[in-house]
């Protein structure tokens, strides 16, 4: 994992007691007045709150992993969109012999011609797209009828294609949604058959590589905070976790990793940033409604463990406490007689 826990428990505890006096209680659990002390230099109040321990990981903002998109069109490529362009439903992904090859949305590939009396789930998929583009006069179902043929001819006329009423394989390319062209994979003048462009989604996401055995935090929907290179933060959540692991570059160079995709709903909050390193913060542990003090208030006891110097009525006494979660400069504490609102000292 390329991140680190922000609130390091052992380190925080060590820092808290590094300069503190070592005090004894004369027996664990007793509360004898500290007669050899004149009182703390400063005091703080015991508060009740929720402590959150966060962890940070390095990620990369981008439009996601580029995927090649194939055309089955015959002929020669006469036009391709520029890298960075977004192609949506009904728009040309390329032109082959000056005829548009149109992008539609769907999971099934265009594996056969569609014509009158053809039935199947690919017919439903195509008719759903035709309807979404505003064409009417047919039922969206699994049968390519004469009414569908009439609508297809109107569609073909607007595209400038021959009005055959048949949808050949080379007229359409399917993708899950709008695509953002990442790279041209062929040049204009090359064959139109095969991978012609690579594409990503049209929204920016964060990819976080994390150790395959350290991804328990990455449940889908988990809220996260993304810090951009300029220090601005935006809200995100786990959108997807890769099913496959990536092996280390060489044997002995770390454990396999998986990619966690973080989605960001407010794309405008990202400004014009399209790619760059970011930091992703998530909640590693949380303790609700617990008593807390600043870490610096902890005292190291001679007999082991920690204590607090409780100040009351002009006197002070040392109370043994159990330290729980350390986070954001505070620590969870519990012990006999310890209560919210008490005043405790902070060693110099």
Protein backbone atom coordinates (compact mmCIF):
# COMPACT_ATOMS: atom_id res chain seq x y z
CA UNK A 1 0.00 0.00 0.00
CA UNK A 2 1.48 3.36 -1.06
CA UNK A 3 -0.14 5.33 1.72
CA UNK A 4 0.40 5.69 5.44
CA UNK A 5 -1.83 5.98 8.46
CA UNK A 6 -1.98 9.62 9.44
CA UNK A 7 -2.52 8.96 13.15
CA UNK A 8 0.23 6.52 14.09
CA UNK A 9 -0.68 5.15 17.48
CA UNK A 10 2.75 4.19 18.73
CA UNK A 11 4.39 7.32 17.41
CA UNK A 12 1.73 9.55 18.94
CA UNK A 13 2.06 7.88 22.30
CA UNK A 14 5.82 8.23 22.27
CA UNK A 15 5.63 11.91 21.42
CA UNK A 16 3.03 12.50 24.09
CA UNK A 17 5.21 11.28 26.92
CA UNK A 18 8.64 12.13 25.54
CA UNK A 19 9.12 15.26 27.67
CA UNK A 20 6.74 14.42 30.50
CA UNK A 21 7.79 13.66 34.05
CA UNK A 22 7.67 10.03 35.12
CA UNK A 23 5.25 9.86 38.02
CA UNK A 24 4.25 7.17 40.46
CA UNK A 25 0.90 6.57 42.07
CA UNK A 26 2.04 4.45 44.98
CA UNK A 27 -0.07 1.64 43.56
CA UNK A 28 -2.25 1.40 40.49
CA UNK A 29 -5.68 2.95 40.80
CA UNK A 30 -4.94 5.25 43.78
CA UNK A 31 -5.41 8.97 43.56
CA UNK A 32 -2.89 10.55 45.95
CA UNK A 33 -2.30 14.32 45.81
CA UNK A 34 0.85 15.23 43.93
CA UNK A 35 2.40 17.07 46.92
CA UNK A 36 5.76 17.60 45.19
CA UNK A 37 4.17 19.45 42.24
CA UNK A 38 3.13 23.09 42.11
CA UNK A 39 0.50 22.52 39.44
CA UNK A 40 0.60 22.30 35.67
CA UNK A 41 1.73 25.18 33.49
CA UNK A 42 -1.40 24.91 31.33
CA UNK A 43 -4.66 23.06 31.57
CA UNK A 44 -7.25 21.61 29.17
CA UNK A 45 -10.74 20.17 29.53
CA UNK A 46 -11.73 16.54 29.11
CA UNK A 47 -14.21 16.48 26.23
CA UNK A 48 -16.59 13.89 24.82
CA UNK A 49 -16.48 13.46 21.03
CA UNK A 50 -16.06 11.09 18.13
CA UNK A 51 -12.45 10.30 17.22
CA UNK A 52 -11.63 9.33 13.65
CA UNK A 53 -8.33 7.80 12.61
CA UNK A 54 -7.70 8.42 8.92
CA UNK A 55 -5.34 6.84 6.42
CA UNK A 56 -4.03 8.31 3.19
CA UNK A 57 -3.17 6.66 -0.11
CA UNK A 58 -1.64 8.01 -3.29
CA UNK A 59 -3.86 8.04 -6.37
CA UNK A 60 -3.93 9.37 -9.90
CA UNK A 61 -6.70 11.55 -11.30
CA UNK A 62 -7.56 10.77 -14.91
CA UNK A 63 -10.41 9.72 -17.14
CA UNK A 64 -9.67 6.08 -16.31
CA UNK A 65 -7.90 3.26 -18.10
CA UNK A 66 -7.99 3.52 -21.89
CA UNK A 67 -9.76 0.69 -23.75
CA UNK A 68 -9.40 0.00 -27.48
CA UNK A 69 -12.56 0.32 -29.60
CA UNK A 70 -12.84 -1.74 -32.76
CA UNK A 71 -14.63 -1.04 -36.02
CA UNK A 72 -15.82 -3.72 -38.43
CA UNK A 73 -16.26 -1.23 -41.27
CA UNK A 74 -14.65 -2.04 -44.59
CA UNK A 75 -12.80 0.58 -46.56
CA UNK A 76 -10.46 3.39 -45.58
CA UNK A 77 -10.52 5.69 -42.56
CA UNK A 78 -11.30 9.18 -43.83
CA UNK A 79 -11.92 10.90 -40.46
CA UNK A 80 -11.26 10.31 -36.77
CA UNK A 81 -12.12 12.46 -33.75
CA UNK A 82 -9.31 14.32 -32.00
CA UNK A 83 -7.90 12.91 -28.73
CA UNK A 84 -9.84 14.46 -25.88
CA UNK A 85 -13.06 14.70 -27.86
CA UNK A 86 -16.21 13.18 -26.35
CA UNK A 87 -18.39 11.05 -28.63
CA UNK A 88 -21.99 10.47 -27.54
CA UNK A 89 -24.87 8.29 -28.68
CA UNK A 90 -25.73 8.82 -32.32
CA UNK A 91 -22.49 10.64 -33.18
CA UNK A 92 -19.82 9.42 -35.57
CA UNK A 93 -16.90 7.58 -34.03
CA UNK A 94 -15.13 7.55 -37.39
CA UNK A 95 -15.82 7.82 -41.10
CA UNK A 96 -14.97 4.97 -43.44
CA UNK A 97 -15.04 5.89 -47.14
CA UNK A 98 -16.71 9.12 -45.94
CA UNK A 99 -19.65 7.22 -44.39
CA UNK A 100 -20.22 7.63 -40.62
CA UNK A 101 -19.76 4.72 -38.23
CA UNK A 102 -22.07 5.65 -35.36
CA UNK A 103 -21.62 5.14 -31.63
CA UNK A 104 -24.56 3.58 -29.78
CA UNK A 105 -24.84 2.46 -26.15
CA UNK A 106 -25.02 -1.16 -25.09
CA UNK A 107 -23.23 -4.21 -23.74
CA UNK A 108 -23.68 -6.45 -26.79
CA UNK A 109 -21.35 -6.01 -29.77
CA UNK A 110 -22.76 -5.51 -33.26
CA UNK A 111 -22.22 -9.10 -34.32
CA UNK A 112 -24.74 -9.48 -37.18
CA UNK A 113 -26.85 -7.42 -39.58
CA UNK A 114 -30.26 -6.36 -38.29
CA UNK A 115 -33.14 -6.51 -40.75
CA UNK A 116 -36.87 -7.14 -40.88
CA UNK A 117 -38.04 -10.29 -39.02
CA UNK A 118 -34.74 -10.65 -37.09
CA UNK A 119 -35.35 -11.21 -33.37
CA UNK A 120 -33.16 -11.16 -30.29
CA UNK A 121 -31.71 -9.11 -27.46
CA UNK A 122 -29.48 -7.22 -29.91
CA UNK A 123 -32.68 -5.98 -31.60
CA UNK A 124 -33.95 -4.63 -28.27
CA UNK A 125 -30.61 -2.92 -27.68
CA UNK A 126 -30.65 -1.26 -31.09
CA UNK A 127 -34.29 -0.18 -30.84
CA UNK A 128 -33.66 1.32 -27.41
CA UNK A 129 -30.96 3.48 -28.96
CA UNK A 130 -33.12 4.43 -31.94
CA UNK A 131 -35.88 5.49 -29.56
CA UNK A 132 -33.44 7.44 -27.37
CA UNK A 133 -32.34 9.35 -30.47
CA UNK A 134 -35.93 10.51 -30.94
CA UNK A 135 -37.19 8.15 -33.65
CA UNK A 136 -40.76 6.91 -33.24
CA UNK A 137 -43.40 4.74 -34.91
CA UNK A 138 -42.20 1.33 -33.71
CA UNK A 139 -42.38 -0.77 -30.56
CA UNK A 140 -39.16 -1.25 -28.58
CA UNK A 141 -39.04 -5.03 -28.34
CA UNK A 142 -37.02 -7.99 -29.58
CA UNK A 143 -38.55 -8.03 -33.09
CA UNK A 144 -37.26 -5.95 -36.00
CA UNK A 145 -40.55 -5.11 -37.75
CA UNK A 146 -41.55 -3.16 -40.83
CA UNK A 147 -42.09 -0.17 -38.53
CA UNK A 148 -38.49 -0.51 -37.32
CA UNK A 149 -37.33 -0.63 -40.95
CA UNK A 150 -39.14 2.64 -41.67
CA UNK A 151 -37.52 4.32 -38.64
CA UNK A 152 -34.09 3.02 -39.67
CA UNK A 153 -34.50 4.52 -43.15
CA UNK A 154 -35.25 7.93 -41.61
CA UNK A 155 -32.17 7.56 -39.39
CA UNK A 156 -29.98 6.55 -42.33
CA UNK A 157 -31.23 9.49 -44.40
CA UNK A 158 -30.20 11.95 -41.67
CA UNK A 159 -26.78 10.29 -41.45
CA UNK A 160 -26.26 10.54 -45.17
CA UNK A 161 -26.08 6.77 -45.58
CA UNK A 162 -27.97 4.71 -48.19
CA UNK A 163 -31.57 4.22 -46.99
CA UNK A 164 -31.60 0.43 -46.95
CA UNK A 165 -33.58 -0.12 -43.76
CA UNK A 166 -31.01 -2.77 -42.80
CA UNK A 167 -28.41 -2.06 -40.12
CA UNK A 168 -25.18 -3.68 -41.25
CA UNK A 169 -22.40 -4.57 -38.82
CA UNK A 170 -20.12 -1.85 -40.14
CA UNK A 171 -22.59 0.97 -39.44
CA UNK A 172 -22.55 0.81 -35.64
CA UNK A 173 -20.09 0.47 -32.74
CA UNK A 174 -21.38 -0.12 -29.21
CA UNK A 175 -19.90 1.10 -25.92
CA UNK A 176 -21.34 1.25 -22.37
CA UNK A 177 -21.84 5.02 -22.65
CA UNK A 178 -20.30 8.20 -23.99
CA UNK A 179 -16.59 7.83 -24.71
CA UNK A 180 -13.72 10.24 -24.45
CA UNK A 181 -11.13 9.57 -27.14
CA UNK A 182 -7.79 8.86 -25.48
CA UNK A 183 -5.71 8.10 -28.58
CA UNK A 184 -6.01 7.48 -32.27
CA UNK A 185 -4.79 3.94 -32.91
CA UNK A 186 -4.68 4.31 -36.71
CA UNK A 187 -4.03 7.20 -39.04
CA UNK A 188 -6.42 8.65 -41.57
CA UNK A 189 -5.91 6.60 -44.72
CA UNK A 190 -5.47 3.30 -42.87
CA UNK A 191 -7.87 0.36 -42.97
CA UNK A 192 -11.12 0.99 -41.07
CA UNK A 193 -11.27 -2.61 -39.82
CA UNK A 194 -9.86 -3.20 -36.34
CA UNK A 195 -9.02 -1.06 -33.31
CA UNK A 196 -9.31 2.54 -34.45
CA UNK A 197 -9.25 4.54 -31.20
CA UNK A 198 -8.78 3.94 -27.51
CA UNK A 199 -11.28 5.50 -25.18
CA UNK A 200 -12.08 6.20 -21.56
CA UNK A 201 -15.23 7.25 -19.78
CA UNK A 202 -16.25 10.88 -20.10
CA UNK A 203 -15.96 11.66 -16.36
CA UNK A 204 -12.81 11.99 -14.29
CA UNK A 205 -12.04 9.39 -11.63
CA UNK A 206 -9.18 8.57 -9.29
CA UNK A 207 -7.33 5.27 -9.59
CA UNK A 208 -5.77 4.06 -6.32
CA UNK A 209 -3.41 1.07 -6.50
CA UNK A 210 -3.51 -0.77 -3.17
CA UNK A 211 -2.10 -4.01 -1.87
CA UNK A 212 -4.29 -6.97 -2.71
CA UNK A 213 -4.35 -7.92 0.97
CA UNK A 214 -4.95 -4.37 2.20
CA UNK A 215 -8.11 -3.38 0.36
CA UNK A 216 -10.66 -4.13 3.07
CA UNK A 217 -11.38 -0.39 3.27
CA UNK A 218 -12.50 -0.31 -0.35
CA UNK A 219 -16.12 -1.38 -0.05
CA UNK A 220 -18.25 0.05 -2.86
CA UNK A 221 -19.84 3.31 -1.78
CA UNK A 222 -17.33 4.05 1.02
CA UNK A 223 -17.04 7.86 1.36
CA UNK A 224 -13.59 9.36 0.80
CA UNK A 225 -11.87 12.73 0.66
CA UNK A 226 -9.68 13.54 -2.35
CA UNK A 227 -6.98 16.20 -1.98
CA UNK A 228 -5.96 17.80 -5.27
CA UNK A 229 -2.43 19.05 -6.11
CA UNK A 230 -3.44 22.62 -5.14
CA UNK A 231 -4.57 21.48 -1.68
CA UNK A 232 -8.29 21.73 -2.45
CA UNK A 233 -10.42 18.81 -1.28
CA UNK A 234 -13.42 17.21 -3.00
CA UNK A 235 -15.75 14.43 -1.90
CA UNK A 236 -15.48 11.00 -3.50
CA UNK A 237 -16.57 7.44 -2.93
CA UNK A 238 -15.41 3.97 -3.92
CA UNK A 239 -16.97 3.27 -7.29
CA UNK A 240 -15.39 -0.05 -8.23
CA UNK A 241 -12.70 -2.50 -7.19
CA UNK A 242 -10.82 -4.40 -9.87
CA UNK A 243 -11.36 -8.15 -9.94
CA UNK A 244 -7.84 -8.84 -11.18
CA UNK A 245 -4.54 -8.17 -9.44
CA UNK A 246 -1.43 -6.73 -11.03
CA UNK A 247 1.74 -8.64 -10.27
CA UNK A 248 4.81 -6.80 -8.96
CA UNK A 249 7.22 -5.52 -11.62
CA UNK A 250 9.82 -8.03 -10.46
CA UNK A 251 10.00 -10.81 -7.93
CA UNK A 252 10.65 -9.50 -4.44
CA UNK A 253 9.45 -5.98 -5.24
CA UNK A 254 6.29 -5.95 -3.15
CA UNK A 255 2.92 -7.66 -3.17
CA UNK A 256 0.40 -7.76 -6.02
CA UNK A 257 -1.91 -4.75 -6.22
CA UNK A 258 -5.46 -4.06 -7.29
CA UNK A 259 -6.88 -0.82 -8.65
CA UNK A 260 -9.63 0.90 -6.69
CA UNK A 261 -11.66 3.40 -8.72
CA UNK A 262 -12.87 6.46 -6.83
CA UNK A 263 -15.81 8.30 -8.38
CA UNK A 264 -16.31 12.06 -7.94
CA UNK A 265 -19.87 13.31 -8.31
CA UNK A 266 -19.02 17.02 -8.45
CA UNK A 267 -16.92 17.15 -11.61
CA UNK A 268 -16.99 20.96 -11.59
CA UNK A 269 -15.09 20.93 -8.30
CA UNK A 270 -12.12 19.46 -10.17
CA UNK A 271 -11.80 22.59 -12.29
CA UNK A 272 -9.75 22.12 -15.45
CA UNK A 273 -7.48 19.49 -13.95
CA UNK A 274 -7.59 16.39 -16.16
CA UNK A 275 -4.67 14.35 -14.84
CA UNK A 276 -2.37 14.46 -11.85
CA UNK A 277 -1.37 12.93 -8.52
CA UNK A 278 -3.88 13.21 -5.68
CA UNK A 279 -4.21 11.96 -2.11
CA UNK A 280 -7.18 9.86 -1.05
CA UNK A 281 -8.14 9.81 2.63
CA UNK A 282 -10.45 7.25 4.21
CA UNK A 283 -11.60 6.39 7.73
CA UNK A 284 -9.46 3.58 9.11
CA UNK A 285 -11.01 3.46 12.59
CA UNK A 286 -13.63 5.41 14.50
CA UNK A 287 -14.64 5.68 18.15
CA UNK A 288 -17.93 7.41 18.87
CA UNK A 289 -18.87 9.36 21.99
CA UNK A 290 -15.65 8.81 23.97
CA UNK A 291 -13.73 10.97 26.48
CA UNK A 292 -10.68 12.60 24.91
CA UNK A 293 -7.77 14.86 25.83
CA UNK A 294 -4.87 16.25 23.82
CA UNK A 295 -2.14 13.63 23.44
CA UNK A 296 0.28 16.04 25.15
CA UNK A 297 -1.73 15.75 28.40
CA UNK A 298 -0.73 12.11 28.92
CA UNK A 299 1.82 11.35 31.64
CA UNK A 300 4.07 8.28 31.72
CA UNK A 301 3.65 6.44 35.01
CA UNK A 302 6.63 4.82 36.73
CA UNK A 303 4.69 1.59 37.15
CA UNK A 304 3.72 1.60 33.49
CA UNK A 305 0.83 2.94 31.50
CA UNK A 306 -0.52 6.47 31.43
CA UNK A 307 -2.04 9.00 33.76
CA UNK A 308 -3.61 12.45 33.77
CA UNK A 309 -3.06 15.24 36.27
CA UNK A 310 -6.58 16.22 37.35
CA UNK A 311 -6.82 19.79 38.65
CA UNK A 312 -9.62 20.71 41.05
CA UNK A 313 -10.03 23.31 43.82
CA UNK A 314 -6.47 24.56 43.60
CA UNK A 315 -4.98 21.08 44.01
CA UNK A 316 -4.06 18.34 41.60
CA UNK A 317 -3.88 14.58 41.66
CA UNK A 318 -2.68 11.92 39.26
CA UNK A 319 -5.33 9.57 37.87
CA UNK A 320 -4.37 6.40 36.01
CA UNK A 321 -6.11 6.08 32.61
CA UNK A 322 -6.35 3.66 29.75
CA UNK A 323 -5.40 5.14 26.37
CA UNK A 324 -7.48 4.10 23.38
CA UNK A 325 -7.55 5.52 19.85
CA UNK A 326 -5.04 8.24 18.92
CA UNK A 327 -6.22 10.61 16.18
CA UNK A 328 -5.68 14.21 15.08
CA UNK A 329 -3.61 15.10 18.14
CA UNK A 330 -6.10 13.71 20.66
CA UNK A 331 -6.43 10.41 22.47
CA UNK A 332 -9.34 8.42 23.85
CA UNK A 333 -9.05 8.01 27.63
CA UNK A 334 -10.99 6.09 30.27
CA UNK A 335 -10.52 5.51 33.98
CA UNK A 336 -12.21 5.46 37.39
CA UNK A 337 -13.60 8.88 38.28
CA UNK A 338 -12.75 10.43 34.92
CA UNK A 339 -15.60 12.54 33.54
CA UNK A 340 -16.42 15.02 30.83
CA UNK A 341 -15.62 18.62 31.80
CA UNK A 342 -12.77 17.79 34.19
CA UNK A 343 -9.68 20.00 34.02
CA UNK A 344 -6.37 18.27 33.44
CA UNK A 345 -2.84 19.57 33.20
CA UNK A 346 -0.52 19.59 30.22
CA UNK A 347 3.18 19.06 31.09
CA UNK A 348 5.68 21.63 29.88
